[in-house]
Each structure stands twice: as structure tokens, then as C-alpha cells.
Amino acid sequence: MKNAIKMLLSLLIGVVAIGIAKLVHPSWNINHLLIFGLIVFAVTFV
């Protein structure tokens, strides 16, 4: 159960990070945003 909560929290952080990155770098395309979000998700989950 703790892992599920941790995963949801890190997923939320990843989504927020993608939103912030989109605001800061509007020229980034979706692939850059997804890679950035995955890196943030991996770092927060591990």
C-alpha cells in the first residue's frame, strides 16, 4: 500500500513538473516534456 501512495505522489510531482516545464519552455514539444516527466517520476520514485 505504501508503494502505491509513493507512486501516485511521484506521478503527481511528474505531472506538475511537466506543467511547469511547459510554462517555462513553451517551445518544447511533447516528446521532450514526456522524457522530462519520466526523469522526474523516476527520480522521485526511487
N, C-alpha and C. Protein backbone atom coordinates (compact mmCIF):
# COMPACT_ATOMS: atom_id res chain seq x y z
N MET A 1 0.83 -1.21 0.00
CA MET A 1 0.00 0.00 0.00
C MET A 1 0.86 1.26 0.00
N LYS A 2 1.97 1.21 0.76
CA LYS A 2 2.85 2.38 0.82
C LYS A 2 3.45 2.68 -0.55
N ASN A 3 3.78 1.62 -1.30
CA ASN A 3 4.37 1.81 -2.63
C ASN A 3 3.39 2.50 -3.58
N ALA A 4 2.11 2.15 -3.48
CA ALA A 4 1.10 2.75 -4.34
C ALA A 4 0.98 4.24 -4.06
N ILE A 5 0.98 4.61 -2.78
CA ILE A 5 0.90 6.02 -2.40
C ILE A 5 2.13 6.77 -2.89
N LYS A 6 3.30 6.14 -2.72
CA LYS A 6 4.55 6.76 -3.18
C LYS A 6 4.54 6.94 -4.69
N MET A 7 4.02 5.95 -5.41
CA MET A 7 3.97 6.02 -6.86
C MET A 7 3.01 7.13 -7.31
N LEU A 8 1.84 7.21 -6.69
CA LEU A 8 0.87 8.25 -7.05
C LEU A 8 1.44 9.64 -6.77
N LEU A 9 2.12 9.78 -5.65
CA LEU A 9 2.71 11.06 -5.29
C LEU A 9 3.78 11.47 -6.29
N SER A 10 4.65 10.52 -6.66
CA SER A 10 5.70 10.85 -7.61
C SER A 10 5.13 11.11 -9.01
N LEU A 11 4.03 10.43 -9.34
CA LEU A 11 3.36 10.69 -10.62
C LEU A 11 2.79 12.11 -10.64
N LEU A 12 2.19 12.51 -9.52
CA LEU A 12 1.66 13.87 -9.38
C LEU A 12 2.78 14.90 -9.52
N ILE A 13 3.91 14.64 -8.87
CA ILE A 13 5.06 15.53 -8.97
C ILE A 13 5.53 15.62 -10.43
N GLY A 14 5.55 14.47 -11.12
CA GLY A 14 5.94 14.44 -12.52
C GLY A 14 5.02 15.27 -13.40
N VAL A 15 3.72 15.17 -13.15
CA VAL A 15 2.73 15.94 -13.94
C VAL A 15 2.90 17.43 -13.68
N VAL A 16 3.10 17.80 -12.41
CA VAL A 16 3.32 19.21 -12.07
C VAL A 16 4.60 19.72 -12.73
N ALA A 17 5.65 18.88 -12.71
CA ALA A 17 6.91 19.27 -13.34
C ALA A 17 6.74 19.48 -14.84
N ILE A 18 5.93 18.62 -15.49
CA ILE A 18 5.66 18.79 -16.93
C ILE A 18 4.93 20.11 -17.17
N GLY A 19 3.96 20.41 -16.31
CA GLY A 19 3.23 21.67 -16.43
C GLY A 19 4.14 22.88 -16.29
N ILE A 20 5.03 22.83 -15.30
CA ILE A 20 5.98 23.93 -15.08
C ILE A 20 6.93 24.05 -16.28
N ALA A 21 7.42 22.89 -16.76
CA ALA A 21 8.33 22.90 -17.91
C ALA A 21 7.63 23.49 -19.14
N LYS A 22 6.34 23.19 -19.30
CA LYS A 22 5.58 23.72 -20.44
C LYS A 22 5.45 25.24 -20.33
N LEU A 23 5.30 25.75 -19.12
CA LEU A 23 5.21 27.19 -18.92
C LEU A 23 6.56 27.87 -19.16
N VAL A 24 7.62 27.24 -18.65
CA VAL A 24 8.95 27.83 -18.75
C VAL A 24 9.52 27.70 -20.17
N HIS A 25 9.27 26.53 -20.79
CA HIS A 25 9.79 26.27 -22.14
C HIS A 25 8.64 25.95 -23.09
N PRO A 26 7.89 26.96 -23.52
CA PRO A 26 6.74 26.68 -24.40
C PRO A 26 7.15 26.10 -25.76
N SER A 27 8.43 26.24 -26.12
CA SER A 27 8.88 25.74 -27.42
C SER A 27 9.13 24.23 -27.41
N TRP A 28 9.22 23.62 -26.22
CA TRP A 28 9.43 22.18 -26.13
C TRP A 28 8.26 21.43 -26.73
N ASN A 29 8.56 20.36 -27.48
CA ASN A 29 7.46 19.55 -27.99
C ASN A 29 7.11 18.45 -26.98
N ILE A 30 6.11 17.66 -27.26
CA ILE A 30 5.57 16.69 -26.30
C ILE A 30 6.60 15.62 -25.94
N ASN A 31 7.48 15.25 -26.88
CA ASN A 31 8.49 14.23 -26.58
C ASN A 31 9.45 14.70 -25.50
N HIS A 32 9.91 15.94 -25.59
CA HIS A 32 10.80 16.49 -24.58
C HIS A 32 10.10 16.53 -23.22
N LEU A 33 8.83 16.93 -23.23
CA LEU A 33 8.07 17.01 -21.98
C LEU A 33 7.89 15.64 -21.36
N LEU A 34 7.60 14.63 -22.18
CA LEU A 34 7.41 13.28 -21.65
C LEU A 34 8.70 12.72 -21.08
N ILE A 35 9.81 12.94 -21.77
CA ILE A 35 11.11 12.46 -21.27
C ILE A 35 11.43 13.15 -19.95
N PHE A 36 11.20 14.47 -19.89
CA PHE A 36 11.45 15.23 -18.67
C PHE A 36 10.58 14.72 -17.53
N GLY A 37 9.29 14.47 -17.83
CA GLY A 37 8.37 13.95 -16.82
C GLY A 37 8.78 12.58 -16.33
N LEU A 38 9.22 11.71 -17.23
CA LEU A 38 9.68 10.37 -16.85
C LEU A 38 10.91 10.44 -15.96
N ILE A 39 11.82 11.35 -16.26
CA ILE A 39 13.02 11.51 -15.43
C ILE A 39 12.62 11.97 -14.03
N VAL A 40 11.73 12.95 -13.95
CA VAL A 40 11.27 13.45 -12.65
C VAL A 40 10.57 12.33 -11.89
N PHE A 41 9.71 11.57 -12.59
CA PHE A 41 9.00 10.46 -11.96
C PHE A 41 9.99 9.42 -11.42
N ALA A 42 10.98 9.06 -12.23
CA ALA A 42 11.98 8.06 -11.81
C ALA A 42 12.77 8.54 -10.60
N VAL A 43 13.18 9.80 -10.64
CA VAL A 43 13.98 10.34 -9.53
C VAL A 43 13.17 10.38 -8.24
N THR A 44 11.91 10.80 -8.31
CA THR A 44 11.11 10.89 -7.09
C THR A 44 10.67 9.52 -6.59
N PHE A 45 10.47 8.56 -7.50
CA PHE A 45 10.01 7.24 -7.08
C PHE A 45 11.13 6.42 -6.46
N VAL A 46 12.35 6.55 -6.98
CA VAL A 46 13.49 5.77 -6.50
C VAL A 46 14.13 6.41 -5.29
